[in-house]
Amino acid sequence: MTPNIDPAPATARDGHTTLLVATRKGAWLYHADAARRSWRVDGPHFLGHIVNHLVLDPRDGRTLVAAAKTGHLGPTIFRSTDFGRSWQEATRPPAFSPAADGSAGRAVDHTFWLTPGHTDEPGVWYAGTSPQGLFRSADGGASWAPFSCLNDDPDFRRWMGSVQDGTPDGPKLHSILIDPRDAGHLYIAMSGGGVHESVDGGHSFRRLLDGLDVVEGFDRSDPTFHDPHCVRLAPSNPDRLYQQNHCGIYRLDRPSDVWQAIGRNMPAEVGAVGFPMVVHPRDADTAWVFPMDGTLVWPRTSPDGRPAVYRTRDGGASWQRQDAGLPASQAWWTVKRQAMSADRGAPPCVYFGTTSGELWMGRDEGTQWECIARHLPEIYAVEAVTPA
């Protein structure tokens, strides 16, 4: 069954799910009714421009921040304090500091990842860019400045590689995670460059690479060769992290520093390669991934053209295929690393957007799938939020 879509502009409704959908050619907001059976669409916003990430500030429930790459302004940030009715461009978007020798140095190609700060730090936001850089805003996203040591640290710069390395649209800093118990405890991931942790508010970082595989023939002790695709913190247990990696699926239970390779428990014919990772809002043992074809060609499609989500309910010891309602064959799309999310319903619904512009909802933790929207531009990110 396809949910009803009302094209009339909509505003946020307290306690109802809204999907923030960022695409290659704009952004859309889909507002649900209480049962999540009817959706009202608001958009497009920024039509024709790349929007890599659109995020709600959970601290006020109305501020939206969008990472955009526009044809006339280049890479920039927009913010709305009225849930998308109006937008203002950042007065100072993320930009690298000039090189020490006075040359231009690195330039931000696009902002890729946005994360609101800790609940004790209202107005603070973090941004990850391509090429890899970490930036911070203290005024709700209106202005941004380079943050921490890693943008210009010689070791980090070496681990980042060149701008020609990494994913097809450039290497990235992503998965900026903040421990809800401690504003100074941060995690970041770099593709390439590995996963790193700070316990002093970003003044220093240390590697978290033990247990992670790299492509055969490369040195796993060198962060340069590590390619984390997506790292998630379990909302109900901040001592547990999950990771979808270029080389598998992993789980980390602190205080251990050693990742456990839980992707080895995926069906061999499907494999453990993919980009997104989602964790249940209230159960740290439940998580979802969306596998893609991981053969040597790396076509970035669903395996055999048969898309499916895989769910674990035991921390990765086993995985179950969830494909009810999804195409049974000849569906060659996949899902990008930010384009999968879960709401906080009881039970939660799971959502993903595809590279072919379809928006899907999985009821009852992904047991039954329904298509919410078709024919959107290529979907880059999906965030399921509940406005205050």
Protein backbone atom coordinates (compact mmCIF):
# COMPACT_ATOMS: atom_id res chain seq x y z
CA MET A 1 0.00 0.00 0.00
CA THR A 2 1.25 3.47 -0.88
CA PRO A 3 0.53 6.11 1.82
CA ASN A 4 -1.58 9.12 0.90
CA ILE A 5 0.39 12.22 -0.10
CA ASP A 6 -1.09 15.68 0.34
CA PRO A 7 0.90 18.20 -1.76
CA ALA A 8 -0.29 21.18 0.28
CA PRO A 9 2.41 23.02 2.25
CA ALA A 10 2.56 21.80 5.82
CA THR A 11 3.99 22.91 9.11
CA ALA A 12 5.39 20.78 11.88
CA ARG A 13 2.87 19.03 14.09
CA ASP A 14 3.92 18.35 17.66
CA GLY A 15 4.61 14.69 18.35
CA HIS A 16 4.24 13.64 14.70
CA THR A 17 7.05 12.27 12.56
CA THR A 18 8.59 14.49 9.91
CA LEU A 19 11.06 13.21 7.33
CA LEU A 20 13.79 15.60 6.26
CA VAL A 21 14.84 14.51 2.77
CA ALA A 22 18.01 15.95 1.20
CA THR A 23 18.64 15.26 -2.48
CA ARG A 24 20.90 16.04 -5.40
CA LYS A 25 18.50 18.78 -6.52
CA GLY A 26 16.81 20.17 -3.42
CA ALA A 27 15.17 19.21 -0.13
CA TRP A 28 11.68 18.10 0.91
CA LEU A 29 9.86 17.75 4.22
CA TYR A 30 7.27 14.97 4.61
CA HIS A 31 4.92 15.43 7.59
CA ALA A 32 3.02 12.39 8.90
CA ASP A 33 -0.32 12.10 10.60
CA ALA A 34 -0.46 10.40 14.00
CA ALA A 35 -0.72 6.92 12.47
CA ARG A 36 2.03 7.58 9.90
CA ARG A 37 -0.41 6.61 7.13
CA SER A 38 -0.88 9.98 5.46
CA TRP A 39 1.91 12.37 4.55
CA ARG A 40 1.89 16.05 3.67
CA VAL A 41 4.77 17.24 1.52
CA ASP A 42 6.50 20.60 1.87
CA GLY A 43 8.95 21.43 -0.88
CA PRO A 44 11.05 21.63 -2.81
CA HIS A 45 13.43 23.85 -0.90
CA PHE A 46 16.64 24.93 -2.69
CA LEU A 47 15.38 23.45 -5.96
CA GLY A 48 18.20 22.51 -8.31
CA HIS A 49 20.92 22.70 -5.66
CA ILE A 50 22.73 19.83 -3.99
CA VAL A 51 21.65 19.35 -0.37
CA ASN A 52 23.88 16.83 1.38
CA HIS A 53 22.27 16.96 4.82
CA LEU A 54 19.20 18.54 6.44
CA VAL A 55 19.01 18.30 10.24
CA LEU A 56 16.62 19.45 12.97
CA ASP A 57 17.94 20.90 16.22
CA PRO A 58 16.36 18.60 18.84
CA ARG A 59 17.02 21.20 21.52
CA ASP A 60 14.31 23.55 20.24
CA GLY A 61 12.39 21.39 17.75
CA ARG A 62 12.12 24.10 15.10
CA THR A 63 15.59 25.11 13.87
CA LEU A 64 16.69 23.40 10.66
CA VAL A 65 20.22 23.52 9.28
CA ALA A 66 20.97 22.52 5.68
CA ALA A 67 24.33 21.76 4.08
CA ALA A 68 24.05 22.89 0.46
CA LYS A 69 26.23 23.25 -2.59
CA THR A 70 24.69 25.84 -4.85
CA GLY A 71 25.48 26.78 -8.40
CA HIS A 72 26.01 30.46 -7.63
CA LEU A 73 27.11 30.55 -3.96
CA GLY A 74 29.20 27.39 -3.91
CA PRO A 75 29.33 25.35 -0.68
CA THR A 76 27.32 27.02 2.07
CA ILE A 77 24.98 26.52 5.02
CA PHE A 78 21.36 27.62 5.33
CA ARG A 79 19.34 27.77 8.53
CA SER A 80 15.67 28.19 9.35
CA THR A 81 14.31 29.05 12.79
CA ASP A 82 10.67 28.44 11.77
CA PHE A 83 10.83 24.84 10.52
CA GLY A 84 11.47 25.72 6.90
CA ARG A 85 9.08 28.63 6.31
CA SER A 86 12.06 30.91 5.69
CA TRP A 87 15.82 30.43 5.28
CA GLN A 88 18.93 32.51 5.91
CA GLU A 89 22.40 31.79 4.55
CA ALA A 90 25.25 31.52 7.03
CA THR A 91 27.29 34.71 7.27
CA ARG A 92 30.47 32.60 7.39
CA PRO A 93 30.15 29.03 6.04
CA PRO A 94 32.79 26.40 6.84
CA ALA A 95 36.14 27.34 5.26
CA PHE A 96 39.69 26.19 5.93
CA SER A 97 42.24 28.58 7.39
CA PRO A 98 44.82 29.97 4.93
CA ALA A 99 47.98 27.92 4.63
CA ALA A 100 50.88 28.87 6.88
CA ASP A 101 52.96 30.03 3.91
CA GLY A 102 50.23 32.45 2.87
CA SER A 103 48.95 30.38 -0.04
CA ALA A 104 45.27 29.57 -0.45
CA GLY A 105 45.61 26.06 0.99
CA ARG A 106 42.70 23.64 0.97
CA ALA A 107 39.18 24.67 -0.06
CA VAL A 108 35.89 23.16 1.11
CA ASP A 109 34.17 21.45 -1.82
CA HIS A 110 30.99 20.78 0.19
CA THR A 111 29.75 20.36 3.72
CA PHE A 112 28.70 16.74 4.06
CA TRP A 113 27.62 16.08 7.67
CA LEU A 114 25.82 18.14 10.33
CA THR A 115 25.45 17.32 14.03
CA PRO A 116 23.73 19.44 16.71
CA GLY A 117 25.80 20.00 19.85
CA HIS A 118 25.23 18.64 23.34
CA THR A 119 22.02 19.56 25.19
CA ASP A 120 24.16 21.63 27.60
CA GLU A 121 25.53 23.69 24.70
CA PRO A 122 22.56 25.40 23.00
CA GLY A 123 23.48 26.93 19.66
CA VAL A 124 26.49 24.67 19.12
CA TRP A 125 26.69 22.68 15.88
CA TYR A 126 29.42 20.60 14.23
CA ALA A 127 30.03 20.09 10.52
CA GLY A 128 32.18 17.65 8.56
CA THR A 129 33.33 18.55 5.06
CA SER A 130 34.90 17.25 1.88
CA PRO A 131 37.87 17.27 1.82
CA GLN A 132 38.02 16.19 5.44
CA GLY A 133 37.61 19.01 7.91
CA LEU A 134 35.84 19.59 11.23
CA PHE A 135 34.02 22.88 11.89
CA ARG A 136 31.96 24.31 14.73
CA SER A 137 29.26 26.93 15.10
CA ALA A 138 28.36 28.53 18.43
CA ASP A 139 25.46 30.63 17.13
CA GLY A 140 23.00 28.09 15.80
CA GLY A 141 24.69 27.64 12.43
CA ALA A 142 24.90 31.33 11.47
CA SER A 143 28.71 31.34 11.38
CA TRP A 144 31.34 28.60 11.35
CA ALA A 145 35.01 28.29 12.23
CA PRO A 146 37.61 25.52 11.97
CA PHE A 147 37.52 23.34 15.07
CA SER A 148 40.05 21.17 16.84
CA CYS A 149 43.56 20.20 15.86
CA LEU A 150 42.83 17.76 13.10
CA ASN A 151 42.24 20.07 10.11
CA ASP A 152 45.92 20.99 9.95
CA ASP A 153 47.61 18.30 12.03
CA PRO A 154 50.39 16.71 9.90
CA ASP A 155 49.39 13.14 10.80
CA PHE A 156 45.71 13.71 10.11
CA ARG A 157 46.51 15.45 6.83
CA ARG A 158 48.58 12.45 5.76
CA TRP A 159 45.83 10.01 6.77
CA MET A 160 43.25 12.00 4.81
CA GLY A 161 45.07 11.36 1.55
CA SER A 162 44.63 13.57 -1.49
CA VAL A 163 41.43 15.11 -2.81
CA GLN A 164 41.45 12.45 -5.54
CA ASP A 165 41.17 9.63 -2.99
CA GLY A 166 38.05 8.11 -1.45
CA THR A 167 34.48 8.12 -2.66
CA PRO A 168 33.50 9.28 -6.16
CA ASP A 169 32.47 12.77 -5.00
CA GLY A 170 35.44 13.26 -2.70
CA PRO A 171 36.81 12.16 0.69
CA LYS A 172 34.72 13.14 3.71
CA LEU A 173 34.63 13.71 7.45
CA HIS A 174 31.37 12.32 8.76
CA SER A 175 29.67 10.51 11.68
CA ILE A 176 30.29 13.29 14.20
CA LEU A 177 28.97 11.76 17.43
CA ILE A 178 28.61 13.40 20.84
CA ASP A 179 28.29 11.40 24.04
CA PRO A 180 24.97 12.54 25.57
CA ARG A 181 26.57 12.24 29.03
CA ASP A 182 29.62 14.40 28.27
CA ALA A 183 29.87 17.32 25.82
CA GLY A 184 33.64 16.87 25.64
CA HIS A 185 33.47 13.26 24.47
CA LEU A 186 33.38 13.17 20.66
CA TYR A 187 33.80 10.64 17.88
CA ILE A 188 34.50 11.39 14.23
CA ALA A 189 35.07 9.22 11.15
CA MET A 190 36.93 9.98 7.95
CA SER A 191 36.63 8.30 4.57
CA GLY A 192 39.46 7.65 4.32
CA GLY A 193 41.28 8.17 7.57
CA GLY A 194 39.55 5.96 10.12
CA VAL A 195 37.59 6.46 13.34
CA HIS A 196 38.88 8.74 16.09
CA GLU A 197 37.84 9.71 19.61
CA SER A 198 38.32 12.85 21.71
CA VAL A 199 37.72 13.05 25.46
CA ASP A 200 38.85 16.67 25.83
CA GLY A 201 36.36 18.53 23.69
CA GLY A 202 38.24 18.10 20.43
CA HIS A 203 41.63 19.40 21.57
CA SER A 204 43.12 16.01 20.79
CA PHE A 205 41.99 12.76 19.14
CA ARG A 206 43.15 9.16 19.31
CA ARG A 207 42.58 6.32 16.86
CA LEU A 208 39.89 3.65 17.28
CA LEU A 209 40.98 1.12 14.67
CA ASP A 210 41.66 -2.13 16.53
CA GLY A 211 39.72 -5.05 15.08
CA LEU A 212 38.86 -3.29 11.80
CA ASP A 213 39.87 -4.84 8.49
CA VAL A 214 41.27 -3.01 5.48
CA VAL A 215 41.47 -3.99 1.83
CA GLU A 216 43.80 -6.94 1.38
CA GLY A 217 47.43 -5.95 0.89
CA PHE A 218 47.26 -2.70 2.89
CA ASP A 219 48.56 -1.93 6.38
CA ARG A 220 45.69 -1.99 8.88
CA SER A 221 47.78 -0.02 11.41
CA ASP A 222 47.78 3.01 9.07
CA PRO A 223 44.56 5.10 9.32
CA THR A 224 45.00 6.12 5.68
CA PHE A 225 43.68 2.74 4.54
CA HIS A 226 40.60 2.67 6.78
CA ASP A 227 37.27 3.60 5.22
CA PRO A 228 34.41 3.79 7.73
CA HIS A 229 31.17 4.41 5.83
CA CYS A 230 28.92 5.25 8.79
CA VAL A 231 29.29 5.11 12.58
CA ARG A 232 26.31 5.28 14.95
CA LEU A 233 25.97 5.62 18.73
CA ALA A 234 23.20 3.56 20.32
CA PRO A 235 20.73 6.12 21.77
CA SER A 236 19.80 3.84 24.67
CA ASN A 237 23.40 2.89 25.49
CA PRO A 238 26.09 5.47 24.62
CA ASP A 239 28.77 2.88 25.41
CA ARG A 240 27.85 0.94 22.29
CA LEU A 241 28.80 1.97 18.75
CA TYR A 242 27.98 0.30 15.45
CA GLN A 243 29.87 0.79 12.21
CA GLN A 244 29.17 0.02 8.56
CA ASN A 245 32.61 -0.11 6.99
CA HIS A 246 34.07 -0.63 3.54
CA CYS A 247 35.21 -4.01 4.87
CA GLY A 248 32.22 -5.15 6.92
CA ILE A 249 29.91 -4.40 9.86
CA TYR A 250 31.30 -3.88 13.35
CA ARG A 251 30.26 -3.26 16.96
CA LEU A 252 32.25 -1.59 19.73
CA ASP A 253 31.33 -1.88 23.43
CA ARG A 254 33.20 0.58 25.60
CA PRO A 255 35.45 0.70 27.50
CA SER A 256 36.90 -1.80 25.02
CA ASP A 257 38.81 -0.29 22.10
CA VAL A 258 38.45 -3.40 19.91
CA TRP A 259 35.74 -3.55 17.24
CA GLN A 260 33.90 -6.87 16.85
CA ALA A 261 33.27 -8.06 13.26
CA ILE A 262 29.52 -8.75 13.40
CA GLY A 263 29.18 -8.58 9.61
CA ARG A 264 30.64 -12.07 9.36
CA ASN A 265 27.24 -13.30 10.52
CA MET A 266 25.49 -11.88 7.44
CA PRO A 267 24.44 -14.37 4.73
CA ALA A 268 27.49 -15.15 2.59
CA GLU A 269 25.58 -14.61 -0.65
CA VAL A 270 24.69 -11.04 0.45
CA GLY A 271 27.88 -10.01 2.21
CA ALA A 272 28.51 -7.20 4.67
CA VAL A 273 29.26 -4.26 2.36
CA GLY A 274 27.00 -1.20 2.47
CA PHE A 275 26.81 2.42 3.53
CA PRO A 276 24.02 3.23 6.03
CA MET A 277 23.65 2.01 9.63
CA VAL A 278 20.68 2.69 11.92
CA VAL A 279 20.25 1.79 15.61
CA HIS A 280 16.94 1.30 17.42
CA PRO A 281 16.07 4.34 19.59
CA ARG A 282 15.42 2.22 22.71
CA ASP A 283 17.12 -1.16 22.15
CA ALA A 284 20.89 -1.17 21.70
CA ASP A 285 20.80 -4.78 20.45
CA THR A 286 18.62 -3.89 17.43
CA ALA A 287 20.12 -2.28 14.33
CA TRP A 288 19.56 -2.17 10.57
CA VAL A 289 21.83 -2.11 7.52
CA PHE A 290 21.20 -1.93 3.77
CA PRO A 291 23.67 -4.18 1.91
CA MET A 292 24.89 -3.40 -1.57
CA ASP A 293 26.72 -5.45 -4.16
CA GLY A 294 30.25 -5.78 -2.82
CA THR A 295 31.79 -7.74 -5.67
CA LEU A 296 35.07 -6.55 -7.14
CA VAL A 297 33.26 -4.36 -9.68
CA TRP A 298 31.54 -2.39 -6.87
CA PRO A 299 28.53 -1.41 -9.01
CA ARG A 300 26.81 0.32 -6.07
CA THR A 301 23.52 -1.50 -6.59
CA SER A 302 21.37 -3.84 -4.54
CA PRO A 303 22.76 -7.41 -4.63
CA ASP A 304 21.27 -9.20 -7.67
CA GLY A 305 18.81 -6.32 -8.08
CA ARG A 306 16.86 -7.59 -5.04
CA PRO A 307 16.97 -4.85 -2.39
CA ALA A 308 16.46 -5.70 1.27
CA VAL A 309 17.14 -4.35 4.72
CA TYR A 310 18.81 -6.65 7.25
CA ARG A 311 17.99 -6.35 10.95
CA THR A 312 19.75 -7.74 14.00
CA ARG A 313 18.06 -8.09 17.38
CA ASP A 314 21.03 -9.58 19.18
CA GLY A 315 23.83 -7.10 18.62
CA GLY A 316 24.91 -8.65 15.32
CA ALA A 317 25.03 -12.32 16.33
CA SER A 318 22.37 -12.96 13.68
CA TRP A 319 20.64 -11.04 10.89
CA GLN A 320 17.18 -11.33 9.33
CA ARG A 321 16.23 -10.25 5.82
CA GLN A 322 13.39 -7.70 5.61
CA ASP A 323 12.07 -7.32 2.08
CA ALA A 324 8.26 -7.58 2.33
CA GLY A 325 6.84 -4.92 0.00
CA LEU A 326 10.16 -4.15 -1.70
CA PRO A 327 10.73 -5.04 -5.38
CA ALA A 328 11.44 -8.74 -5.83
CA SER A 329 13.75 -8.26 -8.82
CA GLN A 330 15.25 -5.77 -11.28
CA ALA A 331 15.65 -2.98 -8.72
CA TRP A 332 19.21 -1.76 -9.13
CA TRP A 333 19.29 1.14 -6.69
CA THR A 334 21.04 1.40 -3.36
CA VAL A 335 21.04 3.66 -0.27
CA LYS A 336 23.65 6.26 0.67
CA ARG A 337 25.20 6.48 4.13
CA GLN A 338 22.94 9.27 5.48
CA ALA A 339 19.78 8.14 3.70
CA MET A 340 18.40 5.75 6.32
CA SER A 341 16.78 6.59 9.64
CA ALA A 342 14.29 5.42 12.28
CA ASP A 343 11.64 7.36 14.16
CA ARG A 344 10.84 7.04 17.86
CA GLY A 345 7.44 5.41 17.49
CA ALA A 346 6.32 2.35 19.43
CA PRO A 347 7.30 0.33 17.51
CA PRO A 348 9.54 2.55 15.39
CA CYS A 349 9.28 2.78 11.63
CA VAL A 350 12.44 2.64 9.55
CA TYR A 351 12.91 4.88 6.49
CA PHE A 352 15.32 5.02 3.60
CA GLY A 353 15.76 6.98 0.37
CA THR A 354 17.23 5.48 -2.76
CA THR A 355 19.64 6.55 -5.45
CA SER A 356 16.68 6.39 -7.87
CA GLY A 357 14.63 8.90 -5.86
CA GLU A 358 12.22 6.64 -3.96
CA LEU A 359 11.34 7.19 -0.29
CA TRP A 360 10.40 4.03 1.62
CA MET A 361 8.91 3.38 5.07
CA GLY A 362 9.18 0.08 6.97
CA ARG A 363 6.41 -0.42 9.52
CA ASP A 364 6.88 -2.43 12.70
CA GLU A 365 10.68 -2.07 12.70
CA GLY A 366 10.93 -2.73 8.97
CA THR A 367 8.67 -5.77 8.80
CA GLN A 368 6.50 -4.34 6.00
CA TRP A 369 7.70 -1.76 3.44
CA GLU A 370 5.62 0.95 1.72
CA CYS A 371 6.75 3.55 -0.81
CA ILE A 372 5.98 7.09 0.38
CA ALA A 373 7.27 8.96 -2.68
CA ARG A 374 8.71 8.27 -6.12
CA HIS A 375 10.51 10.30 -8.77
CA LEU A 376 12.47 12.54 -6.41
CA PRO A 377 16.06 13.39 -7.35
CA GLU A 378 18.77 11.06 -6.06
CA ILE A 379 18.34 11.00 -2.28
CA TYR A 380 21.41 11.89 -0.22
CA ALA A 381 20.01 11.94 3.33
CA VAL A 382 16.87 11.06 5.29
CA GLU A 383 16.32 12.14 8.89
CA ALA A 384 13.20 11.04 10.80
CA VAL A 385 12.43 13.63 13.49
CA THR A 386 9.67 14.47 15.95
CA PRO A 387 9.38 18.25 16.37
CA ALA A 388 8.78 19.60 19.87
